[in-house]
Amino acid sequence: MSYHILVTGGAGYLGSVMVLELLKLGHNVTVLDNFMFGQGSLMDCCYYDSFSVIKGDARDKSTIKEVVKDKDIIIPLAALVGAPLCNRDKIGTISTNRDAIKTLTEVTSKEQRILMPVSNSGYGVGEDGIYCTEESPLKPISTYGVTKVEAEKIMLDRGNAISFRLATVFGLSPRPRMDLLVNDFTYRAVKDKFIVIFEGNFKRNYIHIRDVAKAFIHGIDNFDSMKNEIYNVGLSDANLSKLELCAIIKKYVPEFTIMEAPIGKDPDQRNYIVSNDKIEATGYKPSFSLDMGIKELIKGYTILTNSKFSNV
């Protein structure tokens, strides 16, 4: 069955992978994005008659009210993402990550379905050896984590929605992000050949970007049985510390030197392990391992260099 789907922020890191997959499945997809990074990540989608794009702001109530009118499904990806960016623009973070979701709940009918990404950074600092489940208490540390937790509650209170608490995403996208942990560490291995690690024993969970798109498609296909629930989305065999992650990267970049700093701290202080049993019980299984993603990134970084403002 095909649907009319609105994806806000669809030109971003996740959206530019997900939108193309939705189009390939025969869905009609409209993207609303402000293109704040000047990205051309949706060019491959323009081939499809079933694709349309609107340049606009997901926080603008009149814009949202107009574009949701004929949509069966809304996927709100528009967000300021990551602790450093969110700390630099707290007002923009709150208005985009939380308030735009509140606006969306006000202009959609209860029959329209919403599938929403939320970071599992809301778990904050977990207890040693204890897995965070969807019932675990939320203790967000960063502005990003706080706004996503608040947005999730707003959405679930509205109903007819699914919330996906995403692990730290990795992998290549037409709109690259080099700041994500696996992507960043692999880039440093390929380009710098060394890294200095703060708080190397801090753990988190990981998931490939294409498996995130797969989770949303799974949610669309199984919406009636999954709705009004929260699902962690991550690799169950990838609850890893930073040092463990670096050791895997070193398998593929043997000259990668890993050093631990005795002082200093990471701007994002999250530290937890996560259970993904709930979504796996619905029949969802990730397809991409951490090793596969690292090998993909190494090939990508042979092509791509983050040298926008360097002279050489």
Protein backbone atom coordinates (compact mmCIF):
# COMPACT_ATOMS: atom_id res chain seq x y z
CA MET A 1 0.00 0.00 0.00
CA SER A 2 1.31 3.45 -0.87
CA TYR A 3 0.89 6.53 1.32
CA HIS A 4 1.23 10.28 1.04
CA ILE A 5 4.06 11.09 3.42
CA LEU A 6 5.42 14.42 4.68
CA VAL A 7 9.03 14.44 5.89
CA THR A 8 10.14 17.63 7.60
CA GLY A 9 13.90 18.12 7.55
CA GLY A 10 14.02 15.56 4.76
CA ALA A 11 17.19 16.98 3.21
CA GLY A 12 19.24 16.21 6.33
CA TYR A 13 21.56 13.34 7.20
CA LEU A 14 18.81 10.83 7.91
CA GLY A 15 16.11 12.22 5.62
CA SER A 16 18.19 12.13 2.46
CA VAL A 17 18.59 8.35 2.91
CA MET A 18 15.05 7.66 4.11
CA VAL A 19 13.20 9.72 1.48
CA LEU A 20 14.79 7.85 -1.42
CA GLU A 21 13.93 4.49 0.17
CA LEU A 22 10.30 5.58 0.63
CA LEU A 23 10.10 6.67 -3.01
CA LYS A 24 11.53 3.35 -4.19
CA LEU A 25 8.71 1.61 -2.31
CA GLY A 26 6.11 3.60 -4.24
CA HIS A 27 5.11 6.16 -1.64
CA ASN A 28 4.37 9.78 -2.49
CA VAL A 29 6.80 11.90 -0.48
CA THR A 30 6.83 15.63 0.20
CA VAL A 31 9.87 17.16 1.89
CA LEU A 32 9.73 20.40 3.84
CA ASP A 33 13.20 21.74 4.60
CA ASN A 34 14.86 25.13 5.03
CA PHE A 35 18.11 23.85 3.45
CA MET A 36 20.10 25.71 6.11
CA PHE A 37 23.29 23.86 5.20
CA GLY A 38 22.95 24.53 1.47
CA GLN A 39 22.86 20.81 0.78
CA GLY A 40 21.96 19.22 -2.54
CA SER A 41 21.25 15.85 -0.97
CA LEU A 42 17.86 15.20 -2.59
CA MET A 43 18.91 15.52 -6.22
CA ASP A 44 18.45 11.77 -6.82
CA CYS A 45 14.84 12.08 -5.63
CA CYS A 46 13.86 14.73 -8.19
CA TYR A 47 13.62 12.01 -10.84
CA TYR A 48 10.45 10.67 -9.18
CA ASP A 49 7.05 12.15 -10.11
CA SER A 50 5.93 11.03 -6.65
CA PHE A 51 8.42 13.43 -5.00
CA SER A 52 7.79 17.07 -4.19
CA VAL A 53 9.82 19.55 -2.21
CA ILE A 54 8.97 22.75 -0.36
CA LYS A 55 11.53 25.22 0.93
CA GLY A 56 10.18 26.43 4.26
CA ASP A 57 10.39 26.35 8.04
CA ALA A 58 8.89 23.46 10.03
CA ARG A 59 8.26 25.92 12.90
CA ASP A 60 5.90 28.07 10.81
CA LYS A 61 2.37 27.10 11.78
CA SER A 62 0.74 28.39 8.58
CA THR A 63 3.23 26.46 6.45
CA ILE A 64 2.79 23.23 8.39
CA LYS A 65 -1.00 23.56 8.42
CA GLU A 66 -1.00 23.80 4.63
CA VAL A 67 1.41 20.96 3.86
CA VAL A 68 -0.09 18.36 6.23
CA LYS A 69 -3.63 18.63 4.85
CA ASP A 70 -3.57 15.68 2.45
CA LYS A 71 -0.90 13.55 4.14
CA ASP A 72 -1.47 10.08 5.62
CA ILE A 73 1.84 9.99 7.50
CA ILE A 74 4.14 12.65 8.93
CA ILE A 75 7.78 11.96 9.78
CA PRO A 76 9.18 15.00 11.64
CA LEU A 77 12.95 14.87 11.16
CA ALA A 78 13.51 18.64 11.30
CA ALA A 79 15.75 19.28 14.30
CA LEU A 80 18.94 20.85 15.51
CA VAL A 81 21.01 17.79 16.37
CA GLY A 82 24.01 17.19 18.60
CA ALA A 83 25.11 18.73 21.87
CA PRO A 84 27.55 21.34 20.45
CA LEU A 85 25.10 22.80 17.91
CA CYS A 86 22.21 22.78 20.39
CA ASN A 87 24.28 24.50 23.07
CA ARG A 88 25.26 27.19 20.59
CA ASP A 89 21.65 27.92 19.61
CA LYS A 90 19.41 27.00 22.53
CA ILE A 91 16.47 29.11 21.35
CA GLY A 92 16.57 27.54 17.89
CA THR A 93 16.87 24.10 19.46
CA ILE A 94 13.81 24.55 21.66
CA SER A 95 11.70 26.08 18.87
CA THR A 96 12.65 23.38 16.34
CA ASN A 97 13.01 20.23 18.43
CA ARG A 98 10.10 20.75 20.83
CA ASP A 99 7.81 23.62 19.84
CA ALA A 100 7.53 22.56 16.18
CA ILE A 101 6.30 19.16 17.38
CA LYS A 102 3.67 20.85 19.54
CA THR A 103 2.55 22.84 16.49
CA LEU A 104 2.38 19.65 14.45
CA THR A 105 0.06 18.05 17.00
CA GLU A 106 -2.20 21.10 16.80
CA VAL A 107 -2.63 21.11 13.01
CA THR A 108 -2.93 17.38 12.30
CA SER A 109 -6.05 15.27 12.67
CA LYS A 110 -6.05 12.31 15.03
CA GLU A 111 -6.33 10.00 12.01
CA GLN A 112 -2.99 11.12 10.60
CA ARG A 113 -0.10 8.92 11.64
CA ILE A 114 3.18 10.26 13.01
CA LEU A 115 6.48 8.37 13.24
CA MET A 116 9.06 10.35 15.13
CA PRO A 117 12.77 9.97 15.86
CA VAL A 118 13.99 10.63 19.39
CA SER A 119 17.55 10.22 20.63
CA ASN A 120 18.23 7.61 23.27
CA SER A 121 20.52 10.24 24.80
CA GLY A 122 17.50 10.88 27.04
CA TYR A 123 18.78 8.01 29.20
CA GLY A 124 21.66 10.26 30.24
CA VAL A 125 23.92 8.29 32.56
CA GLY A 126 22.85 4.70 33.12
CA GLU A 127 23.72 2.26 35.87
CA ASP A 128 26.72 0.04 35.34
CA GLY A 129 25.73 -3.26 33.71
CA ILE A 130 22.01 -2.45 33.60
CA TYR A 131 20.36 -2.10 30.19
CA CYS A 132 18.14 0.90 29.51
CA THR A 133 14.71 -0.21 28.30
CA GLU A 134 11.80 1.89 27.11
CA GLU A 135 10.57 1.91 30.74
CA SER A 136 13.85 3.18 32.21
CA PRO A 137 13.78 6.65 33.81
CA LEU A 138 14.81 9.48 31.51
CA LYS A 139 17.67 11.68 32.71
CA PRO A 140 18.70 13.83 29.74
CA ILE A 141 21.87 15.83 30.19
CA SER A 142 22.12 18.05 27.10
CA THR A 143 19.73 20.66 25.70
CA TYR A 144 19.28 18.32 22.75
CA GLY A 145 18.31 15.42 25.00
CA VAL A 146 15.91 17.52 27.07
CA THR A 147 14.05 18.90 24.03
CA LYS A 148 13.73 15.45 22.47
CA VAL A 149 12.33 13.97 25.69
CA GLU A 150 9.78 16.79 25.92
CA ALA A 151 8.83 16.41 22.25
CA GLU A 152 8.31 12.67 22.68
CA LYS A 153 5.83 13.24 25.52
CA ILE A 154 3.92 15.83 23.49
CA MET A 155 3.67 13.42 20.56
CA LEU A 156 2.63 10.37 22.57
CA ASP A 157 0.03 12.39 24.50
CA ARG A 158 -1.48 13.29 21.11
CA GLY A 159 -1.65 9.60 20.15
CA ASN A 160 -1.64 7.65 16.89
CA ALA A 161 2.15 7.87 16.86
CA ILE A 162 5.31 5.81 17.18
CA SER A 163 8.49 7.06 18.84
CA PHE A 164 11.84 5.59 17.83
CA ARG A 165 14.63 6.24 20.34
CA LEU A 166 17.64 6.08 18.07
CA ALA A 167 21.08 4.93 19.09
CA THR A 168 24.04 6.97 17.85
CA VAL A 169 23.72 6.76 14.07
CA PHE A 170 26.64 6.00 11.75
CA GLY A 171 27.20 5.51 8.04
CA LEU A 172 27.32 7.52 4.83
CA SER A 173 24.57 9.79 3.56
CA PRO A 174 24.19 12.22 0.63
CA ARG A 175 24.22 14.86 3.39
CA PRO A 176 27.31 13.70 5.34
CA ARG A 177 27.77 14.22 9.07
CA MET A 178 31.29 13.85 10.35
CA ASP A 179 30.50 14.88 13.93
CA LEU A 180 28.72 11.62 14.85
CA LEU A 181 30.93 9.39 16.98
CA VAL A 182 31.63 6.44 14.64
CA ASN A 183 31.84 8.73 11.62
CA ASP A 184 34.16 11.12 13.45
CA PHE A 185 36.48 8.46 14.90
CA THR A 186 36.75 6.70 11.53
CA TYR A 187 37.54 9.99 9.78
CA ARG A 188 40.32 10.66 12.31
CA ALA A 189 41.69 7.18 11.75
CA VAL A 190 41.76 7.59 7.97
CA LYS A 191 42.94 11.19 7.77
CA ASP A 192 44.90 11.89 10.98
CA LYS A 193 45.98 8.35 11.91
CA PHE A 194 45.57 9.16 15.61
CA ILE A 195 42.97 10.18 18.19
CA VAL A 196 43.00 11.48 21.77
CA ILE A 197 40.12 9.98 23.77
CA PHE A 198 38.39 11.59 26.73
CA GLU A 199 36.45 9.29 29.07
CA GLY A 200 37.25 6.23 27.00
CA ASN A 201 35.10 3.86 29.07
CA PHE A 202 31.86 5.80 28.47
CA LYS A 203 29.46 3.55 26.58
CA ARG A 204 26.63 4.04 24.14
CA ASN A 205 24.71 2.10 21.50
CA TYR A 206 25.01 2.46 17.69
CA ILE A 207 22.88 1.94 14.57
CA HIS A 208 23.52 2.28 10.83
CA ILE A 209 21.64 5.05 9.04
CA ARG A 210 20.04 2.60 6.59
CA ASP A 211 18.78 0.51 9.49
CA VAL A 212 17.13 3.65 10.89
CA ALA A 213 15.32 4.11 7.57
CA LYS A 214 14.43 0.41 7.72
CA ALA A 215 12.93 0.89 11.22
CA PHE A 216 10.67 3.68 9.98
CA ILE A 217 9.53 1.58 7.01
CA HIS A 218 8.89 -1.30 9.44
CA GLY A 219 6.81 1.08 11.55
CA ILE A 220 4.79 2.21 8.53
CA ASP A 221 4.14 -1.40 7.48
CA ASN A 222 3.18 -2.50 11.03
CA PHE A 223 1.68 0.70 12.34
CA ASP A 224 -1.52 -0.71 13.82
CA SER A 225 0.33 -3.20 16.01
CA MET A 226 3.15 -0.79 16.97
CA LYS A 227 1.34 2.53 17.47
CA ASN A 228 1.40 4.54 20.69
CA GLU A 229 4.60 2.85 21.80
CA ILE A 230 8.27 3.72 22.21
CA TYR A 231 11.01 1.59 20.65
CA ASN A 232 14.77 1.68 21.15
CA VAL A 233 16.49 1.27 17.78
CA GLY A 234 20.09 0.08 17.92
CA LEU A 235 22.48 -2.80 17.36
CA SER A 236 22.16 -5.23 20.24
CA ASP A 237 25.79 -6.33 19.81
CA ALA A 238 27.09 -2.75 19.75
CA ASN A 239 26.84 -1.42 23.30
CA LEU A 240 30.45 -0.27 23.21
CA SER A 241 32.81 2.11 24.95
CA LYS A 242 34.78 4.66 22.96
CA LEU A 243 37.91 2.57 23.40
CA GLU A 244 36.15 -0.59 22.21
CA LEU A 245 34.92 1.32 19.16
CA CYS A 246 38.44 2.54 18.40
CA ALA A 247 39.75 -1.03 18.65
CA ILE A 248 37.28 -2.13 15.94
CA ILE A 249 38.30 0.77 13.68
CA LYS A 250 41.96 -0.15 14.20
CA LYS A 251 41.27 -3.59 12.68
CA TYR A 252 40.69 -1.82 9.36
CA VAL A 253 43.19 1.04 9.82
CA PRO A 254 46.14 -0.70 11.54
CA GLU A 255 48.23 2.49 11.71
CA PHE A 256 45.51 4.19 13.82
CA THR A 257 47.07 5.33 17.13
CA ILE A 258 44.72 5.65 20.11
CA MET A 259 45.73 7.79 23.09
CA GLU A 260 43.80 8.40 26.31
CA ALA A 261 43.84 11.85 27.88
CA PRO A 262 44.16 11.90 31.68
CA ILE A 263 42.17 15.15 31.90
CA GLY A 264 39.32 16.77 30.00
CA LYS A 265 35.78 15.67 29.30
CA ASP A 266 33.47 15.06 26.40
CA PRO A 267 30.85 17.79 25.73
CA ASP A 268 28.23 15.01 25.56
CA GLN A 269 28.35 13.15 28.89
CA ARG A 270 25.96 10.29 28.10
CA ASN A 271 27.03 6.85 29.28
CA TYR A 272 24.68 3.85 29.11
CA ILE A 273 23.89 0.51 27.50
CA VAL A 274 20.58 -0.10 25.76
CA SER A 275 18.20 -3.02 25.16
CA ASN A 276 16.60 -3.25 21.72
CA ASP A 277 14.53 -6.34 22.56
CA LYS A 278 11.17 -4.59 22.21
CA ILE A 279 11.49 -3.61 18.55
CA GLU A 280 13.19 -6.92 17.70
CA ALA A 281 10.13 -8.71 19.11
CA THR A 282 8.04 -7.00 16.39
CA GLY A 283 10.14 -8.67 13.69
CA TYR A 284 12.61 -5.85 13.04
CA LYS A 285 16.26 -6.85 12.61
CA PRO A 286 19.10 -4.52 11.61
CA SER A 287 20.99 -5.43 8.45
CA PHE A 288 24.26 -3.51 8.89
CA SER A 289 26.93 -4.34 11.45
CA LEU A 290 29.32 -1.82 12.94
CA ASP A 291 32.16 -3.43 10.96
CA MET A 292 30.23 -3.03 7.71
CA GLY A 293 29.61 0.64 8.47
CA ILE A 294 33.26 1.32 9.30
CA LYS A 295 34.40 -0.27 6.01
CA GLU A 296 31.81 1.86 4.17
CA LEU A 297 33.08 5.02 5.89
CA ILE A 298 36.72 4.23 5.07
CA LYS A 299 35.80 4.05 1.38
CA GLY A 300 33.79 7.25 1.65
CA TYR A 301 36.62 9.14 3.31
CA THR A 302 38.93 8.11 0.50
CA ILE A 303 36.67 10.29 -1.65
CA LEU A 304 35.63 12.96 0.84
CA THR A 305 37.84 15.39 2.74
CA ASN A 306 36.44 17.83 5.26
CA SER A 307 38.59 20.73 4.10
CA LYS A 308 36.07 23.44 3.30
CA PHE A 309 38.09 26.21 4.92
CA SER A 310 41.63 24.88 4.59
CA ASN A 311 44.21 26.06 2.04
CA VAL A 312 45.49 22.58 1.19
